[in-house]
Amino acid sequence: MAKVIGLGGFFFKSRDPAALAAWYAQHLGLPVEEWGGARFEDAKHPGYQLWSPFAADTSYFAPSTQPYMINFRVDDLDALLAQLRTSGVEVDERVDDSEYGRFGWIVDPEGTRIELWQPPVA
């Protein structure tokens, strides 16, 4: 059975992402990078975790109206998406392949968009 193997990231809406990221860097020591978020390495699993503020008017979380999106790291994206479809879960038909890995999306029963990420092979 394909499954989630870790947290890939937490993405959320912010009125001023740059100012908020600067606050987290200053007060909590987050290693904010040029792109505006923080990346945390995970030696146990391939990939990393992200903390990333988005503009308040982003449409990236659509169709969800929630102010956040969770990203889970998965072991087999295609198999998991097939399992979820069979179970009646709302699955976005789009799958993105990039240098960062493979991405798919679902919506939970409360309308939260969940991003599923299979990291690239090391």
C-alpha atoms as a PDB file:
ATOM      1  CA  MET A   1       0.000   0.000   0.000  1.00  0.00           C
ATOM      2  CA  ALA A   2       1.385   3.425  -0.942  1.00  0.00           C
ATOM      3  CA  LYS A   3       1.478   5.911   1.925  1.00  0.00           C
ATOM      4  CA  VAL A   4       2.699   9.173   3.406  1.00  0.00           C
ATOM      5  CA  ILE A   5       6.280   8.907   4.698  1.00  0.00           C
ATOM      6  CA  GLY A   6       6.725  12.369   6.190  1.00  0.00           C
ATOM      7  CA  LEU A   7       5.854  16.022   6.193  1.00  0.00           C
ATOM      8  CA  GLY A   8       7.037  17.843   3.082  1.00  0.00           C
ATOM      9  CA  GLY A   9       6.015  21.331   4.057  1.00  0.00           C
ATOM     10  CA  PHE A  10       3.582  23.810   5.478  1.00  0.00           C
ATOM     11  CA  PHE A  11       2.372  26.556   3.136  1.00  0.00           C
ATOM     12  CA  PHE A  12       0.153  29.378   4.337  1.00  0.00           C
ATOM     13  CA  LYS A  13      -1.257  32.725   3.283  1.00  0.00           C
ATOM     14  CA  SER A  14       0.174  35.943   4.682  1.00  0.00           C
ATOM     15  CA  ARG A  15      -0.667  39.635   4.274  1.00  0.00           C
ATOM     16  CA  ASP A  16       3.073  40.375   3.849  1.00  0.00           C
ATOM     17  CA  PRO A  17       5.113  37.189   3.241  1.00  0.00           C
ATOM     18  CA  ALA A  18       8.494  38.966   3.138  1.00  0.00           C
ATOM     19  CA  ALA A  19       7.948  40.835   6.400  1.00  0.00           C
ATOM     20  CA  LEU A  20       6.619  37.724   8.100  1.00  0.00           C
ATOM     21  CA  ALA A  21       9.584  35.649   6.916  1.00  0.00           C
ATOM     22  CA  ALA A  22      11.958  38.336   8.222  1.00  0.00           C
ATOM     23  CA  TRP A  23      10.204  38.244  11.606  1.00  0.00           C
ATOM     24  CA  TYR A  24      10.567  34.444  11.826  1.00  0.00           C
ATOM     25  CA  ALA A  25      14.233  34.712  10.830  1.00  0.00           C
ATOM     26  CA  GLN A  26      14.931  37.414  13.410  1.00  0.00           C
ATOM     27  CA  HIS A  27      12.959  36.030  16.336  1.00  0.00           C
ATOM     28  CA  LEU A  28      13.003  32.258  15.806  1.00  0.00           C
ATOM     29  CA  GLY A  29      16.152  31.838  13.747  1.00  0.00           C
ATOM     30  CA  LEU A  30      14.445  30.272  10.735  1.00  0.00           C
ATOM     31  CA  PRO A  31      16.949  29.971   7.884  1.00  0.00           C
ATOM     32  CA  VAL A  32      14.868  31.983   5.396  1.00  0.00           C
ATOM     33  CA  GLU A  33      16.228  31.698   1.855  1.00  0.00           C
ATOM     34  CA  GLU A  34      16.050  34.150  -1.077  1.00  0.00           C
ATOM     35  CA  TRP A  35      12.822  32.584  -2.365  1.00  0.00           C
ATOM     36  CA  GLY A  36      11.093  33.584   0.883  1.00  0.00           C
ATOM     37  CA  GLY A  37      10.773  30.368   2.861  1.00  0.00           C
ATOM     38  CA  ALA A  38      12.877  28.012   4.947  1.00  0.00           C
ATOM     39  CA  ARG A  39      14.144  24.568   4.003  1.00  0.00           C
ATOM     40  CA  PHE A  40      14.932  21.892   6.592  1.00  0.00           C
ATOM     41  CA  GLU A  41      17.005  18.881   5.536  1.00  0.00           C
ATOM     42  CA  ASP A  42      15.989  15.368   6.563  1.00  0.00           C
ATOM     43  CA  ALA A  43      18.895  12.926   6.704  1.00  0.00           C
ATOM     44  CA  LYS A  44      16.590   9.945   7.279  1.00  0.00           C
ATOM     45  CA  HIS A  45      14.461  10.332   4.125  1.00  0.00           C
ATOM     46  CA  PRO A  46      14.995  11.777   0.671  1.00  0.00           C
ATOM     47  CA  GLY A  47      13.866  15.368   0.366  1.00  0.00           C
ATOM     48  CA  TYR A  48      13.350  18.076   2.950  1.00  0.00           C
ATOM     49  CA  GLN A  49      10.638  20.052   4.735  1.00  0.00           C
ATOM     50  CA  LEU A  50       9.590  23.555   3.720  1.00  0.00           C
ATOM     51  CA  TRP A  51       8.046  26.435   5.639  1.00  0.00           C
ATOM     52  CA  SER A  52       6.680  28.914   3.137  1.00  0.00           C
ATOM     53  CA  PRO A  53       4.443  31.973   3.395  1.00  0.00           C
ATOM     54  CA  PHE A  54       2.437  32.797   0.252  1.00  0.00           C
ATOM     55  CA  ALA A  55       0.722  36.040  -0.720  1.00  0.00           C
ATOM     56  CA  ALA A  56      -2.752  36.360   0.800  1.00  0.00           C
ATOM     57  CA  ASP A  57      -4.322  36.419  -2.683  1.00  0.00           C
ATOM     58  CA  THR A  58      -2.563  33.289  -3.990  1.00  0.00           C
ATOM     59  CA  SER A  59      -4.670  30.890  -6.016  1.00  0.00           C
ATOM     60  CA  TYR A  60      -2.188  28.040  -5.481  1.00  0.00           C
ATOM     61  CA  PHE A  61      -4.364  26.540  -2.720  1.00  0.00           C
ATOM     62  CA  ALA A  62      -7.527  26.574  -4.891  1.00  0.00           C
ATOM     63  CA  PRO A  63     -10.096  25.122  -4.917  1.00  0.00           C
ATOM     64  CA  SER A  64      -9.621  25.234  -1.141  1.00  0.00           C
ATOM     65  CA  THR A  65     -10.589  28.407   0.685  1.00  0.00           C
ATOM     66  CA  GLN A  66      -8.417  27.463   3.667  1.00  0.00           C
ATOM     67  CA  PRO A  67      -5.527  29.836   4.439  1.00  0.00           C
ATOM     68  CA  TYR A  68      -3.006  26.972   4.372  1.00  0.00           C
ATOM     69  CA  MET A  69      -1.958  23.876   2.445  1.00  0.00           C
ATOM     70  CA  ILE A  70      -0.106  20.849   3.801  1.00  0.00           C
ATOM     71  CA  ASN A  71       2.486  18.994   1.729  1.00  0.00           C
ATOM     72  CA  PHE A  72       3.097  15.332   2.548  1.00  0.00           C
ATOM     73  CA  ARG A  73       6.050  13.314   1.287  1.00  0.00           C
ATOM     74  CA  VAL A  74       4.879  10.001  -0.231  1.00  0.00           C
ATOM     75  CA  ASP A  75       6.573   6.789  -1.288  1.00  0.00           C
ATOM     76  CA  ASP A  76       4.662   6.137  -4.545  1.00  0.00           C
ATOM     77  CA  LEU A  77       2.601   9.033  -5.918  1.00  0.00           C
ATOM     78  CA  ASP A  78       0.866   7.154  -8.732  1.00  0.00           C
ATOM     79  CA  ALA A  79      -0.155   4.238  -6.535  1.00  0.00           C
ATOM     80  CA  LEU A  80      -1.393   6.523  -3.769  1.00  0.00           C
ATOM     81  CA  LEU A  81      -3.444   8.681  -6.163  1.00  0.00           C
ATOM     82  CA  ALA A  82      -5.012   5.507  -7.598  1.00  0.00           C
ATOM     83  CA  GLN A  83      -5.844   4.250  -4.073  1.00  0.00           C
ATOM     84  CA  LEU A  84      -7.385   7.589  -3.171  1.00  0.00           C
ATOM     85  CA  ARG A  85      -9.518   7.698  -6.340  1.00  0.00           C
ATOM     86  CA  THR A  86     -10.765   4.174  -5.594  1.00  0.00           C
ATOM     87  CA  SER A  87     -11.694   5.339  -2.085  1.00  0.00           C
ATOM     88  CA  GLY A  88     -13.737   8.252  -3.454  1.00  0.00           C
ATOM     89  CA  VAL A  89     -11.307  11.003  -2.428  1.00  0.00           C
ATOM     90  CA  GLU A  90     -11.359  14.191  -4.547  1.00  0.00           C
ATOM     91  CA  VAL A  91      -8.142  13.953  -6.602  1.00  0.00           C
ATOM     92  CA  ASP A  92      -6.854  16.666  -8.945  1.00  0.00           C
ATOM     93  CA  GLU A  93      -6.256  15.136 -12.384  1.00  0.00           C
ATOM     94  CA  ARG A  94      -3.022  17.111 -12.826  1.00  0.00           C
ATOM     95  CA  VAL A  95       0.335  15.610 -11.831  1.00  0.00           C
ATOM     96  CA  ASP A  96       3.444  17.771 -12.113  1.00  0.00           C
ATOM     97  CA  ASP A  97       6.907  16.378 -12.807  1.00  0.00           C
ATOM     98  CA  SER A  98       9.858  18.661 -12.127  1.00  0.00           C
ATOM     99  CA  GLU A  99      13.451  18.696 -10.981  1.00  0.00           C
ATOM    100  CA  TYR A 100      12.051  18.791  -7.416  1.00  0.00           C
ATOM    101  CA  GLY A 101      10.095  15.561  -7.829  1.00  0.00           C
ATOM    102  CA  ARG A 102       6.513  14.640  -8.635  1.00  0.00           C
ATOM    103  CA  PHE A 103       3.452  16.417  -7.253  1.00  0.00           C
ATOM    104  CA  GLY A 104      -0.238  15.569  -7.038  1.00  0.00           C
ATOM    105  CA  TRP A 105      -3.111  17.127  -5.103  1.00  0.00           C
ATOM    106  CA  ILE A 106      -6.205  16.019  -3.218  1.00  0.00           C
ATOM    107  CA  VAL A 107      -8.875  17.749  -1.134  1.00  0.00           C
ATOM    108  CA  ASP A 108      -9.744  16.497   2.360  1.00  0.00           C
ATOM    109  CA  PRO A 109     -13.337  16.309   3.711  1.00  0.00           C
ATOM    110  CA  GLU A 110     -13.058  19.847   5.160  1.00  0.00           C
ATOM    111  CA  GLY A 111     -11.971  21.341   1.848  1.00  0.00           C
ATOM    112  CA  THR A 112      -8.238  21.636   2.581  1.00  0.00           C
ATOM    113  CA  ARG A 113      -5.963  21.191  -0.419  1.00  0.00           C
ATOM    114  CA  ILE A 114      -3.267  18.601   0.297  1.00  0.00           C
ATOM    115  CA  GLU A 115      -0.161  18.445  -1.869  1.00  0.00           C
ATOM    116  CA  LEU A 116       1.437  15.007  -2.241  1.00  0.00           C
ATOM    117  CA  TRP A 117       5.138  14.992  -3.116  1.00  0.00           C
ATOM    118  CA  GLN A 118       7.343  12.138  -4.242  1.00  0.00           C
ATOM    119  CA  PRO A 119      10.926  13.458  -4.019  1.00  0.00           C
ATOM    120  CA  PRO A 120      13.276  12.779  -6.931  1.00  0.00           C
ATOM    121  CA  VAL A 121      15.522   9.745  -6.673  1.00  0.00           C
ATOM    122  CA  ALA A 122      18.843  10.818  -5.154  1.00  0.00           C
END
